[in-house]
């Protein structure tokens, strides 16, 4: 019996010691700050995306005025306890530096946007208490921009009301890309036939980059395999490109861009499928040719690709009846 009492007494002492230790640890923890209550690394102001160097922004030719944004953020593991004002400044010299270091002398050079086509209401960006970032809007009139020119704006941090600006990746280069709802990466699934000898024909499938130009409804396309590569000595833009305009009724109107000998052309745009059903007749090297087929927007996966393939086959079957 005495042995049993001794074991019970030892167990009680062990429990009391464990509870006492837990209480000590609890009070000790209360005296210490949680990791998220302290700055684990210095807070700094930076331009979001500057570490990528180039920030791509789209300018939609459908709009008389489009908006692009520069975002400013404050690094750190805690939300801001007070507002922080960051002042940005343009630095067009950074565009010249980029051209000199990164762009081939044979390629097109980037140029700053003309100051008369964009407007920045304020260069001050205030990241509010509790926020992580805030944006500075830039209002641009894209109608005067040319699809064969390359445009940029460059920004750096000029001042902050609190915290220092980052010492690395300090300049953000905004590259302006002209777009509209009909532009982008497509594939041409078509055939080219000699008008005087239909047996002289070529079936082909190849990528086509449709470049937004002039307005919200017009794109420029290269004929067949004459795509131009930046810096290439063979510039096919004057001789092998034409424009496609999607009309209000989704019919197509075609015009030559420069010297491509386009005789006539037309077709239909199917907005629900993002497909051009297109045809055109042209002259090349003394012969007259007819090209026809489907321009379809690049698909995300095999399932979508199979669906558009089935749709094109169905449309061809209807035409052959």
C-alpha atoms as a PDB file:
ATOM      1  CA  UNK A   1       0.000   0.000   0.000  1.00  0.00           C
ATOM      2  CA  UNK A   2       2.865   2.362   0.871  1.00  0.00           C
ATOM      3  CA  UNK A   3       4.386   1.632  -2.559  1.00  0.00           C
ATOM      4  CA  UNK A   4       1.131   2.617  -4.270  1.00  0.00           C
ATOM      5  CA  UNK A   5       0.926   5.893  -2.294  1.00  0.00           C
ATOM      6  CA  UNK A   6       4.510   6.673  -3.278  1.00  0.00           C
ATOM      7  CA  UNK A   7       3.732   6.186  -6.984  1.00  0.00           C
ATOM      8  CA  UNK A   8       0.654   8.428  -6.740  1.00  0.00           C
ATOM      9  CA  UNK A   9       2.690  11.113  -4.968  1.00  0.00           C
ATOM     10  CA  UNK A  10       5.395  10.984  -7.680  1.00  0.00           C
ATOM     11  CA  UNK A  11       2.758  11.273 -10.403  1.00  0.00           C
ATOM     12  CA  UNK A  12       1.186  14.334  -8.742  1.00  0.00           C
ATOM     13  CA  UNK A  13       4.609  16.008  -8.450  1.00  0.00           C
ATOM     14  CA  UNK A  14       5.305  15.297 -12.151  1.00  0.00           C
ATOM     15  CA  UNK A  15       1.973  16.819 -13.209  1.00  0.00           C
ATOM     16  CA  UNK A  16       2.522  19.914 -11.069  1.00  0.00           C
ATOM     17  CA  UNK A  17       6.020  20.371 -12.516  1.00  0.00           C
ATOM     18  CA  UNK A  18       4.714  20.070 -16.059  1.00  0.00           C
ATOM     19  CA  UNK A  19       1.970  22.636 -15.427  1.00  0.00           C
ATOM     20  CA  UNK A  20       4.483  25.014 -13.850  1.00  0.00           C
ATOM     21  CA  UNK A  21       6.783  24.726 -16.837  1.00  0.00           C
ATOM     22  CA  UNK A  22       3.887  25.406 -19.246  1.00  0.00           C
ATOM     23  CA  UNK A  23       2.935  28.535 -17.270  1.00  0.00           C
ATOM     24  CA  UNK A  24       6.526  29.796 -17.408  1.00  0.00           C
ATOM     25  CA  UNK A  25       6.697  29.213 -21.173  1.00  0.00           C
ATOM     26  CA  UNK A  26       3.352  30.936 -21.663  1.00  0.00           C
ATOM     27  CA  UNK A  27       4.443  34.075 -19.825  1.00  0.00           C
ATOM     28  CA  UNK A  28       7.788  34.037 -21.601  1.00  0.00           C
ATOM     29  CA  UNK A  29       6.008  33.855 -24.959  1.00  0.00           C
ATOM     30  CA  UNK A  30       3.786  36.751 -24.001  1.00  0.00           C
ATOM     31  CA  UNK A  31       6.872  38.864 -23.361  1.00  0.00           C
ATOM     32  CA  UNK A  32       8.208  38.093 -26.861  1.00  0.00           C
ATOM     33  CA  UNK A  33       6.853  39.585 -30.131  1.00  0.00           C
ATOM     34  CA  UNK A  34       5.445  37.259 -32.763  1.00  0.00           C
ATOM     35  CA  UNK A  35       7.567  37.116 -35.939  1.00  0.00           C
ATOM     36  CA  UNK A  36       4.851  38.842 -38.022  1.00  0.00           C
ATOM     37  CA  UNK A  37       4.796  41.723 -35.517  1.00  0.00           C
ATOM     38  CA  UNK A  38       8.374  42.721 -36.383  1.00  0.00           C
ATOM     39  CA  UNK A  39      10.158  43.620 -39.603  1.00  0.00           C
ATOM     40  CA  UNK A  40      11.997  40.523 -40.772  1.00  0.00           C
ATOM     41  CA  UNK A  41      13.805  42.597 -43.429  1.00  0.00           C
ATOM     42  CA  UNK A  42      14.008  46.336 -44.223  1.00  0.00           C
ATOM     43  CA  UNK A  43      10.962  47.841 -45.858  1.00  0.00           C
ATOM     44  CA  UNK A  44      11.691  49.541 -49.188  1.00  0.00           C
ATOM     45  CA  UNK A  45       9.694  51.201 -51.959  1.00  0.00           C
ATOM     46  CA  UNK A  46       9.923  49.695 -55.438  1.00  0.00           C
ATOM     47  CA  UNK A  47       8.221  49.698 -58.836  1.00  0.00           C
ATOM     48  CA  UNK A  48       6.330  46.456 -59.364  1.00  0.00           C
ATOM     49  CA  UNK A  49       7.829  44.486 -62.252  1.00  0.00           C
ATOM     50  CA  UNK A  50      11.069  46.498 -62.438  1.00  0.00           C
ATOM     51  CA  UNK A  51      13.080  43.359 -61.661  1.00  0.00           C
ATOM     52  CA  UNK A  52      11.868  41.983 -65.003  1.00  0.00           C
ATOM     53  CA  UNK A  53      13.224  45.189 -66.596  1.00  0.00           C
ATOM     54  CA  UNK A  54      10.584  45.177 -69.337  1.00  0.00           C
ATOM     55  CA  UNK A  55       6.910  45.565 -68.429  1.00  0.00           C
ATOM     56  CA  UNK A  56       4.566  44.855 -71.352  1.00  0.00           C
ATOM     57  CA  UNK A  57       1.513  47.085 -71.628  1.00  0.00           C
ATOM     58  CA  UNK A  58      -1.146  46.901 -74.348  1.00  0.00           C
ATOM     59  CA  UNK A  59      -2.598  49.952 -76.059  1.00  0.00           C
ATOM     60  CA  UNK A  60      -5.921  49.166 -77.682  1.00  0.00           C
ATOM     61  CA  UNK A  61      -6.486  51.008 -80.969  1.00  0.00           C
ATOM     62  CA  UNK A  62     -10.230  50.595 -80.415  1.00  0.00           C
ATOM     63  CA  UNK A  63     -10.097  53.379 -77.838  1.00  0.00           C
ATOM     64  CA  UNK A  64      -9.570  57.071 -78.412  1.00  0.00           C
ATOM     65  CA  UNK A  65      -7.773  57.026 -75.056  1.00  0.00           C
ATOM     66  CA  UNK A  66      -6.403  53.942 -73.329  1.00  0.00           C
ATOM     67  CA  UNK A  67      -4.862  53.605 -69.876  1.00  0.00           C
ATOM     68  CA  UNK A  68      -1.692  51.873 -68.710  1.00  0.00           C
ATOM     69  CA  UNK A  69      -0.480  51.784 -65.127  1.00  0.00           C
ATOM     70  CA  UNK A  70       2.730  51.837 -63.128  1.00  0.00           C
ATOM     71  CA  UNK A  71       2.391  50.140 -59.738  1.00  0.00           C
ATOM     72  CA  UNK A  72       4.431  51.048 -56.666  1.00  0.00           C
ATOM     73  CA  UNK A  73       4.719  48.738 -53.661  1.00  0.00           C
ATOM     74  CA  UNK A  74       6.337  48.655 -50.232  1.00  0.00           C
ATOM     75  CA  UNK A  75       8.210  45.474 -49.399  1.00  0.00           C
ATOM     76  CA  UNK A  76       7.934  43.906 -45.966  1.00  0.00           C
ATOM     77  CA  UNK A  77       6.136  41.207 -44.043  1.00  0.00           C
ATOM     78  CA  UNK A  78       3.705  43.610 -42.352  1.00  0.00           C
ATOM     79  CA  UNK A  79       0.946  45.813 -43.751  1.00  0.00           C
ATOM     80  CA  UNK A  80       1.648  49.530 -43.578  1.00  0.00           C
ATOM     81  CA  UNK A  81       0.867  51.326 -40.346  1.00  0.00           C
ATOM     82  CA  UNK A  82       0.637  54.691 -42.143  1.00  0.00           C
ATOM     83  CA  UNK A  83       0.421  56.131 -45.660  1.00  0.00           C
ATOM     84  CA  UNK A  84       3.603  56.246 -47.760  1.00  0.00           C
ATOM     85  CA  UNK A  85       3.902  58.717 -50.657  1.00  0.00           C
ATOM     86  CA  UNK A  86       6.243  57.729 -53.481  1.00  0.00           C
ATOM     87  CA  UNK A  87       7.131  60.203 -56.234  1.00  0.00           C
ATOM     88  CA  UNK A  88       8.030  58.821 -59.655  1.00  0.00           C
ATOM     89  CA  UNK A  89      10.031  60.501 -62.396  1.00  0.00           C
ATOM     90  CA  UNK A  90      10.462  59.767 -66.080  1.00  0.00           C
ATOM     91  CA  UNK A  91      13.946  58.836 -67.257  1.00  0.00           C
ATOM     92  CA  UNK A  92      13.999  58.663 -71.078  1.00  0.00           C
ATOM     93  CA  UNK A  93      17.787  58.238 -70.976  1.00  0.00           C
ATOM     94  CA  UNK A  94      17.135  54.685 -69.758  1.00  0.00           C
ATOM     95  CA  UNK A  95      15.515  53.920 -73.132  1.00  0.00           C
ATOM     96  CA  UNK A  96      18.669  55.059 -74.951  1.00  0.00           C
ATOM     97  CA  UNK A  97      20.756  52.893 -72.645  1.00  0.00           C
ATOM     98  CA  UNK A  98      18.540  49.885 -73.333  1.00  0.00           C
ATOM     99  CA  UNK A  99      18.824  50.411 -77.104  1.00  0.00           C
ATOM    100  CA  UNK A 100      22.609  50.631 -76.909  1.00  0.00           C
ATOM    101  CA  UNK A 101      23.026  47.553 -74.729  1.00  0.00           C
ATOM    102  CA  UNK A 102      20.220  45.241 -75.747  1.00  0.00           C
ATOM    103  CA  UNK A 103      19.085  46.050 -79.308  1.00  0.00           C
ATOM    104  CA  UNK A 104      20.992  45.144 -82.452  1.00  0.00           C
ATOM    105  CA  UNK A 105      22.076  48.063 -84.600  1.00  0.00           C
ATOM    106  CA  UNK A 106      20.187  46.436 -87.491  1.00  0.00           C
ATOM    107  CA  UNK A 107      16.940  46.151 -85.532  1.00  0.00           C
ATOM    108  CA  UNK A 108      14.358  48.792 -84.811  1.00  0.00           C
ATOM    109  CA  UNK A 109      15.173  51.052 -81.879  1.00  0.00           C
ATOM    110  CA  UNK A 110      12.742  51.862 -79.091  1.00  0.00           C
ATOM    111  CA  UNK A 111      11.555  55.439 -78.844  1.00  0.00           C
ATOM    112  CA  UNK A 112       9.812  57.372 -76.066  1.00  0.00           C
ATOM    113  CA  UNK A 113       6.174  58.228 -76.560  1.00  0.00           C
ATOM    114  CA  UNK A 114       5.679  61.748 -77.819  1.00  0.00           C
ATOM    115  CA  UNK A 115       4.692  63.941 -74.879  1.00  0.00           C
ATOM    116  CA  UNK A 116       1.633  65.275 -76.712  1.00  0.00           C
ATOM    117  CA  UNK A 117      -0.129  61.890 -76.842  1.00  0.00           C
ATOM    118  CA  UNK A 118      -0.022  60.896 -73.177  1.00  0.00           C
ATOM    119  CA  UNK A 119      -0.960  62.501 -69.889  1.00  0.00           C
ATOM    120  CA  UNK A 120      -0.019  61.689 -66.289  1.00  0.00           C
ATOM    121  CA  UNK A 121      -2.259  63.523 -63.766  1.00  0.00           C
ATOM    122  CA  UNK A 122       0.238  63.125 -60.925  1.00  0.00           C
ATOM    123  CA  UNK A 123       3.615  61.496 -60.419  1.00  0.00           C
ATOM    124  CA  UNK A 124       2.832  60.985 -56.722  1.00  0.00           C
ATOM    125  CA  UNK A 125       1.641  57.500 -55.761  1.00  0.00           C
ATOM    126  CA  UNK A 126       0.301  57.031 -52.239  1.00  0.00           C
ATOM    127  CA  UNK A 127       0.321  53.522 -50.822  1.00  0.00           C
ATOM    128  CA  UNK A 128      -2.373  53.717 -48.160  1.00  0.00           C
ATOM    129  CA  UNK A 129      -2.259  52.343 -44.639  1.00  0.00           C
ATOM    130  CA  UNK A 130      -3.013  48.628 -44.765  1.00  0.00           C
ATOM    131  CA  UNK A 131      -2.311  48.392 -48.531  1.00  0.00           C
ATOM    132  CA  UNK A 132       0.558  46.657 -50.270  1.00  0.00           C
ATOM    133  CA  UNK A 133       0.691  48.686 -53.496  1.00  0.00           C
ATOM    134  CA  UNK A 134      -0.969  51.461 -55.481  1.00  0.00           C
ATOM    135  CA  UNK A 135      -0.925  52.507 -59.146  1.00  0.00           C
ATOM    136  CA  UNK A 136      -0.183  55.603 -61.194  1.00  0.00           C
ATOM    137  CA  UNK A 137      -2.381  55.850 -64.333  1.00  0.00           C
ATOM    138  CA  UNK A 138      -0.994  56.993 -67.681  1.00  0.00           C
ATOM    139  CA  UNK A 139      -3.573  58.099 -70.263  1.00  0.00           C
ATOM    140  CA  UNK A 140      -2.480  57.518 -73.871  1.00  0.00           C
ATOM    141  CA  UNK A 141      -4.031  58.405 -77.216  1.00  0.00           C
ATOM    142  CA  UNK A 142      -2.802  55.499 -79.382  1.00  0.00           C
ATOM    143  CA  UNK A 143      -4.332  56.546 -82.708  1.00  0.00           C
ATOM    144  CA  UNK A 144      -1.173  58.288 -83.959  1.00  0.00           C
ATOM    145  CA  UNK A 145       1.170  55.390 -83.142  1.00  0.00           C
ATOM    146  CA  UNK A 146       2.554  53.327 -86.009  1.00  0.00           C
ATOM    147  CA  UNK A 147       2.540  49.543 -85.874  1.00  0.00           C
ATOM    148  CA  UNK A 148       6.122  49.341 -87.159  1.00  0.00           C
ATOM    149  CA  UNK A 149       7.577  51.599 -84.480  1.00  0.00           C
ATOM    150  CA  UNK A 150       8.578  50.476 -80.996  1.00  0.00           C
ATOM    151  CA  UNK A 151       7.546  52.620 -78.033  1.00  0.00           C
ATOM    152  CA  UNK A 152       8.574  52.826 -74.396  1.00  0.00           C
ATOM    153  CA  UNK A 153       8.225  54.906 -71.276  1.00  0.00           C
ATOM    154  CA  UNK A 154      10.763  54.679 -68.444  1.00  0.00           C
ATOM    155  CA  UNK A 155      10.231  55.482 -64.748  1.00  0.00           C
ATOM    156  CA  UNK A 156      12.273  55.556 -61.573  1.00  0.00           C
ATOM    157  CA  UNK A 157      11.566  56.487 -57.956  1.00  0.00           C
ATOM    158  CA  UNK A 158      12.535  60.088 -57.245  1.00  0.00           C
ATOM    159  CA  UNK A 159      11.481  60.388 -53.591  1.00  0.00           C
ATOM    160  CA  UNK A 160       9.610  58.679 -50.761  1.00  0.00           C
ATOM    161  CA  UNK A 161       7.957  60.042 -47.642  1.00  0.00           C
ATOM    162  CA  UNK A 162       9.026  56.976 -45.646  1.00  0.00           C
ATOM    163  CA  UNK A 163      11.464  54.123 -46.204  1.00  0.00           C
ATOM    164  CA  UNK A 164      14.180  54.124 -48.833  1.00  0.00           C
ATOM    165  CA  UNK A 165      13.797  53.273 -52.502  1.00  0.00           C
ATOM    166  CA  UNK A 166      15.222  49.916 -53.528  1.00  0.00           C
ATOM    167  CA  UNK A 167      18.859  49.995 -54.582  1.00  0.00           C
ATOM    168  CA  UNK A 168      18.438  47.312 -57.280  1.00  0.00           C
ATOM    169  CA  UNK A 169      16.053  47.087 -60.248  1.00  0.00           C
ATOM    170  CA  UNK A 170      15.410  50.798 -59.909  1.00  0.00           C
ATOM    171  CA  UNK A 171      14.108  51.540 -63.434  1.00  0.00           C
ATOM    172  CA  UNK A 172      10.951  50.165 -65.051  1.00  0.00           C
ATOM    173  CA  UNK A 173      10.711  50.147 -68.858  1.00  0.00           C
ATOM    174  CA  UNK A 174       7.109  50.075 -70.106  1.00  0.00           C
ATOM    175  CA  UNK A 175       6.926  48.566 -73.594  1.00  0.00           C
ATOM    176  CA  UNK A 176       3.796  49.646 -75.463  1.00  0.00           C
ATOM    177  CA  UNK A 177       2.185  47.015 -77.694  1.00  0.00           C
ATOM    178  CA  UNK A 178      -0.535  48.031 -80.141  1.00  0.00           C
ATOM    179  CA  UNK A 179      -3.521  45.671 -80.090  1.00  0.00           C
ATOM    180  CA  UNK A 180      -7.185  45.429 -80.965  1.00  0.00           C
ATOM    181  CA  UNK A 181      -9.766  42.656 -80.545  1.00  0.00           C
ATOM    182  CA  UNK A 182      -8.808  41.106 -83.909  1.00  0.00           C
ATOM    183  CA  UNK A 183      -5.023  41.057 -83.495  1.00  0.00           C
ATOM    184  CA  UNK A 184      -2.777  38.396 -82.017  1.00  0.00           C
ATOM    185  CA  UNK A 185      -1.309  34.991 -82.815  1.00  0.00           C
ATOM    186  CA  UNK A 186      -3.300  33.023 -85.394  1.00  0.00           C
ATOM    187  CA  UNK A 187      -2.763  30.018 -87.649  1.00  0.00           C
ATOM    188  CA  UNK A 188      -3.592  29.929 -91.348  1.00  0.00           C
ATOM    189  CA  UNK A 189      -5.072  26.627 -92.524  1.00  0.00           C
ATOM    190  CA  UNK A 190      -5.412  27.145 -96.233  1.00  0.00           C
ATOM    191  CA  UNK A 191      -4.601  26.427 -99.840  1.00  0.00           C
ATOM    192  CA  UNK A 192      -2.993  28.457-102.634  1.00  0.00           C
ATOM    193  CA  UNK A 193      -3.998  27.674-106.229  1.00  0.00           C
ATOM    194  CA  UNK A 194      -2.794  28.863-109.599  1.00  0.00           C
ATOM    195  CA  UNK A 195      -5.887  30.480-111.125  1.00  0.00           C
ATOM    196  CA  UNK A 196      -4.916  29.275-114.623  1.00  0.00           C
ATOM    197  CA  UNK A 197      -3.866  25.796-113.473  1.00  0.00           C
ATOM    198  CA  UNK A 198      -5.794  24.573-110.396  1.00  0.00           C
ATOM    199  CA  UNK A 199      -3.624  21.438-110.237  1.00  0.00           C
ATOM    200  CA  UNK A 200      -0.730  23.729-109.318  1.00  0.00           C
ATOM    201  CA  UNK A 201      -1.678  24.138-105.677  1.00  0.00           C
ATOM    202  CA  UNK A 202      -0.252  24.104-102.180  1.00  0.00           C
ATOM    203  CA  UNK A 203      -1.967  23.164 -98.906  1.00  0.00           C
ATOM    204  CA  UNK A 204      -0.394  24.648 -95.801  1.00  0.00           C
ATOM    205  CA  UNK A 205      -0.792  25.375 -92.097  1.00  0.00           C
ATOM    206  CA  UNK A 206       1.446  28.034 -90.555  1.00  0.00           C
ATOM    207  CA  UNK A 207       1.418  30.673 -87.819  1.00  0.00           C
ATOM    208  CA  UNK A 208       0.372  34.213 -88.662  1.00  0.00           C
ATOM    209  CA  UNK A 209       0.859  37.217 -86.407  1.00  0.00           C
ATOM    210  CA  UNK A 210      -1.956  39.665 -87.105  1.00  0.00           C
ATOM    211  CA  UNK A 211      -0.733  43.130 -86.189  1.00  0.00           C
ATOM    212  CA  UNK A 212      -3.190  45.794 -85.052  1.00  0.00           C
ATOM    213  CA  UNK A 213      -2.977  48.894 -87.211  1.00  0.00           C
ATOM    214  CA  UNK A 214      -4.861  52.112 -87.978  1.00  0.00           C
ATOM    215  CA  UNK A 215      -7.971  51.467 -85.845  1.00  0.00           C
ATOM    216  CA  UNK A 216      -9.864  48.975 -83.728  1.00  0.00           C
ATOM    217  CA  UNK A 217     -11.002  46.848 -86.671  1.00  0.00           C
ATOM    218  CA  UNK A 218      -7.939  46.508 -88.907  1.00  0.00           C
ATOM    219  CA  UNK A 219      -4.983  44.128 -88.776  1.00  0.00           C
ATOM    220  CA  UNK A 220      -1.996  43.556 -91.032  1.00  0.00           C
ATOM    221  CA  UNK A 221      -1.052  40.091 -92.262  1.00  0.00           C
ATOM    222  CA  UNK A 222       1.937  38.607 -94.071  1.00  0.00           C
ATOM    223  CA  UNK A 223       1.162  36.501 -97.135  1.00  0.00           C
ATOM    224  CA  UNK A 224       2.247  32.847 -96.905  1.00  0.00           C
ATOM    225  CA  UNK A 225       5.778  32.265 -95.499  1.00  0.00           C
ATOM    226  CA  UNK A 226       7.124  35.762 -95.872  1.00  0.00           C
ATOM    227  CA  UNK A 227       7.037  36.700 -92.181  1.00  0.00           C
ATOM    228  CA  UNK A 228       9.700  39.216 -91.254  1.00  0.00           C
ATOM    229  CA  UNK A 229      12.079  38.591 -88.346  1.00  0.00           C
ATOM    230  CA  UNK A 230      13.390  41.575 -86.366  1.00  0.00           C
ATOM    231  CA  UNK A 231      16.848  42.500 -87.650  1.00  0.00           C
ATOM    232  CA  UNK A 232      16.560  40.363 -90.787  1.00  0.00           C
ATOM    233  CA  UNK A 233      17.956  41.753 -94.039  1.00  0.00           C
ATOM    234  CA  UNK A 234      14.863  40.503 -95.895  1.00  0.00           C
ATOM    235  CA  UNK A 235      12.066  42.924 -95.082  1.00  0.00           C
ATOM    236  CA  UNK A 236       8.875  41.587 -96.648  1.00  0.00           C
ATOM    237  CA  UNK A 237       6.582  44.180 -95.111  1.00  0.00           C
ATOM    238  CA  UNK A 238       6.299  46.394 -98.230  1.00  0.00           C
ATOM    239  CA  UNK A 239       5.929  43.564-100.755  1.00  0.00           C
ATOM    240  CA  UNK A 240       4.030  40.763 -98.990  1.00  0.00           C
ATOM    241  CA  UNK A 241       1.593  42.278 -96.517  1.00  0.00           C
ATOM    242  CA  UNK A 242      -2.015  43.354 -96.714  1.00  0.00           C
ATOM    243  CA  UNK A 243      -4.672  44.708 -94.355  1.00  0.00           C
ATOM    244  CA  UNK A 244      -7.860  43.010 -93.227  1.00  0.00           C
ATOM    245  CA  UNK A 245     -10.717  45.147 -91.919  1.00  0.00           C
ATOM    246  CA  UNK A 246     -13.634  43.532 -90.090  1.00  0.00           C
ATOM    247  CA  UNK A 247     -16.793  45.450 -91.007  1.00  0.00           C
ATOM    248  CA  UNK A 248     -19.866  45.981 -88.828  1.00  0.00           C
ATOM    249  CA  UNK A 249     -21.586  42.945 -90.386  1.00  0.00           C
ATOM    250  CA  UNK A 250     -18.402  40.834 -89.867  1.00  0.00           C
ATOM    251  CA  UNK A 251     -17.643  40.788 -93.591  1.00  0.00           C
ATOM    252  CA  UNK A 252     -13.982  41.346 -94.519  1.00  0.00           C
ATOM    253  CA  UNK A 253     -12.445  44.070 -96.650  1.00  0.00           C
ATOM    254  CA  UNK A 254      -8.856  43.604 -97.861  1.00  0.00           C
ATOM    255  CA  UNK A 255      -6.381  46.267 -98.996  1.00  0.00           C
ATOM    256  CA  UNK A 256      -2.716  46.057 -99.890  1.00  0.00           C
ATOM    257  CA  UNK A 257      -0.312  47.503 -97.320  1.00  0.00           C
ATOM    258  CA  UNK A 258       2.154  48.830 -99.875  1.00  0.00           C
ATOM    259  CA  UNK A 259       3.382  46.915-102.930  1.00  0.00           C
ATOM    260  CA  UNK A 260       1.712  43.505-102.553  1.00  0.00           C
ATOM    261  CA  UNK A 261      -0.191  42.987-105.810  1.00  0.00           C
ATOM    262  CA  UNK A 262      -3.602  42.252-104.322  1.00  0.00           C
ATOM    263  CA  UNK A 263      -6.337  41.940-106.954  1.00  0.00           C
ATOM    264  CA  UNK A 264      -9.352  41.357-104.711  1.00  0.00           C
ATOM    265  CA  UNK A 265     -10.362  39.612-101.534  1.00  0.00           C
ATOM    266  CA  UNK A 266     -13.020  39.124 -98.889  1.00  0.00           C
ATOM    267  CA  UNK A 267     -14.558  36.711 -96.425  1.00  0.00           C
ATOM    268  CA  UNK A 268     -16.285  36.569 -93.054  1.00  0.00           C
ATOM    269  CA  UNK A 269     -15.159  36.887 -89.457  1.00  0.00           C
ATOM    270  CA  UNK A 270     -16.801  34.558 -86.905  1.00  0.00           C
ATOM    271  CA  UNK A 271     -16.468  36.305 -83.532  1.00  0.00           C
ATOM    272  CA  UNK A 272     -17.767  33.381 -81.457  1.00  0.00           C
ATOM    273  CA  UNK A 273     -15.000  31.182 -82.888  1.00  0.00           C
ATOM    274  CA  UNK A 274     -12.367  33.921 -83.352  1.00  0.00           C
ATOM    275  CA  UNK A 275     -11.880  32.719 -86.912  1.00  0.00           C
ATOM    276  CA  UNK A 276     -11.434  34.509 -90.241  1.00  0.00           C
ATOM    277  CA  UNK A 277     -12.872  32.667 -93.254  1.00  0.00           C
ATOM    278  CA  UNK A 278     -10.748  34.495 -95.825  1.00  0.00           C
ATOM    279  CA  UNK A 279      -9.892  34.469 -99.542  1.00  0.00           C
ATOM    280  CA  UNK A 280      -7.841  36.723-101.773  1.00  0.00           C
ATOM    281  CA  UNK A 281      -6.469  36.829-105.330  1.00  0.00           C
ATOM    282  CA  UNK A 282      -3.024  38.229-106.034  1.00  0.00           C
ATOM    283  CA  UNK A 283      -0.390  38.387-108.740  1.00  0.00           C
ATOM    284  CA  UNK A 284       3.165  37.199-108.221  1.00  0.00           C
ATOM    285  CA  UNK A 285       5.967  36.599-110.759  1.00  0.00           C
ATOM    286  CA  UNK A 286       3.669  36.870-113.735  1.00  0.00           C
ATOM    287  CA  UNK A 287       1.040  34.447-112.421  1.00  0.00           C
ATOM    288  CA  UNK A 288      -2.324  34.956-110.748  1.00  0.00           C
ATOM    289  CA  UNK A 289      -3.014  33.014-107.566  1.00  0.00           C
ATOM    290  CA  UNK A 290      -5.943  32.512-105.218  1.00  0.00           C
ATOM    291  CA  UNK A 291      -5.400  31.883-101.499  1.00  0.00           C
ATOM    292  CA  UNK A 292      -8.235  30.788 -99.257  1.00  0.00           C
ATOM    293  CA  UNK A 293      -8.683  29.196 -95.864  1.00  0.00           C
ATOM    294  CA  UNK A 294      -9.273  29.794 -92.189  1.00  0.00           C
ATOM    295  CA  UNK A 295      -7.297  32.013 -89.843  1.00  0.00           C
ATOM    296  CA  UNK A 296      -7.970  30.742 -86.340  1.00  0.00           C
ATOM    297  CA  UNK A 297      -6.801  32.152 -83.024  1.00  0.00           C
ATOM    298  CA  UNK A 298      -4.188  30.110 -81.204  1.00  0.00           C
ATOM    299  CA  UNK A 299      -5.879  27.551 -78.947  1.00  0.00           C
ATOM    300  CA  UNK A 300      -4.921  26.815 -75.324  1.00  0.00           C
ATOM    301  CA  UNK A 301      -4.971  23.020 -75.388  1.00  0.00           C
ATOM    302  CA  UNK A 302      -5.544  19.928 -77.544  1.00  0.00           C
ATOM    303  CA  UNK A 303      -9.235  19.752 -76.692  1.00  0.00           C
ATOM    304  CA  UNK A 304      -9.831  23.272 -78.012  1.00  0.00           C
ATOM    305  CA  UNK A 305      -7.669  22.552 -81.057  1.00  0.00           C
ATOM    306  CA  UNK A 306      -9.679  19.438 -81.916  1.00  0.00           C
ATOM    307  CA  UNK A 307     -12.870  21.492 -81.614  1.00  0.00           C
ATOM    308  CA  UNK A 308     -11.696  24.160 -84.059  1.00  0.00           C
ATOM    309  CA  UNK A 309     -10.418  21.483 -86.462  1.00  0.00           C
ATOM    310  CA  UNK A 310     -13.875  19.863 -86.463  1.00  0.00           C
ATOM    311  CA  UNK A 311     -15.504  23.251 -87.030  1.00  0.00           C
ATOM    312  CA  UNK A 312     -13.264  24.000 -90.042  1.00  0.00           C
ATOM    313  CA  UNK A 313     -14.006  20.593 -91.569  1.00  0.00           C
ATOM    314  CA  UNK A 314     -17.742  21.188 -91.129  1.00  0.00           C
ATOM    315  CA  UNK A 315     -17.483  24.608 -92.802  1.00  0.00           C
ATOM    316  CA  UNK A 316     -15.523  23.154 -95.732  1.00  0.00           C
ATOM    317  CA  UNK A 317     -18.148  20.430 -96.159  1.00  0.00           C
ATOM    318  CA  UNK A 318     -20.918  23.059 -96.330  1.00  0.00           C
ATOM    319  CA  UNK A 319     -19.023  25.026 -98.970  1.00  0.00           C
ATOM    320  CA  UNK A 320     -18.485  21.976-101.151  1.00  0.00           C
ATOM    321  CA  UNK A 321     -22.204  21.235-101.407  1.00  0.00           C
END
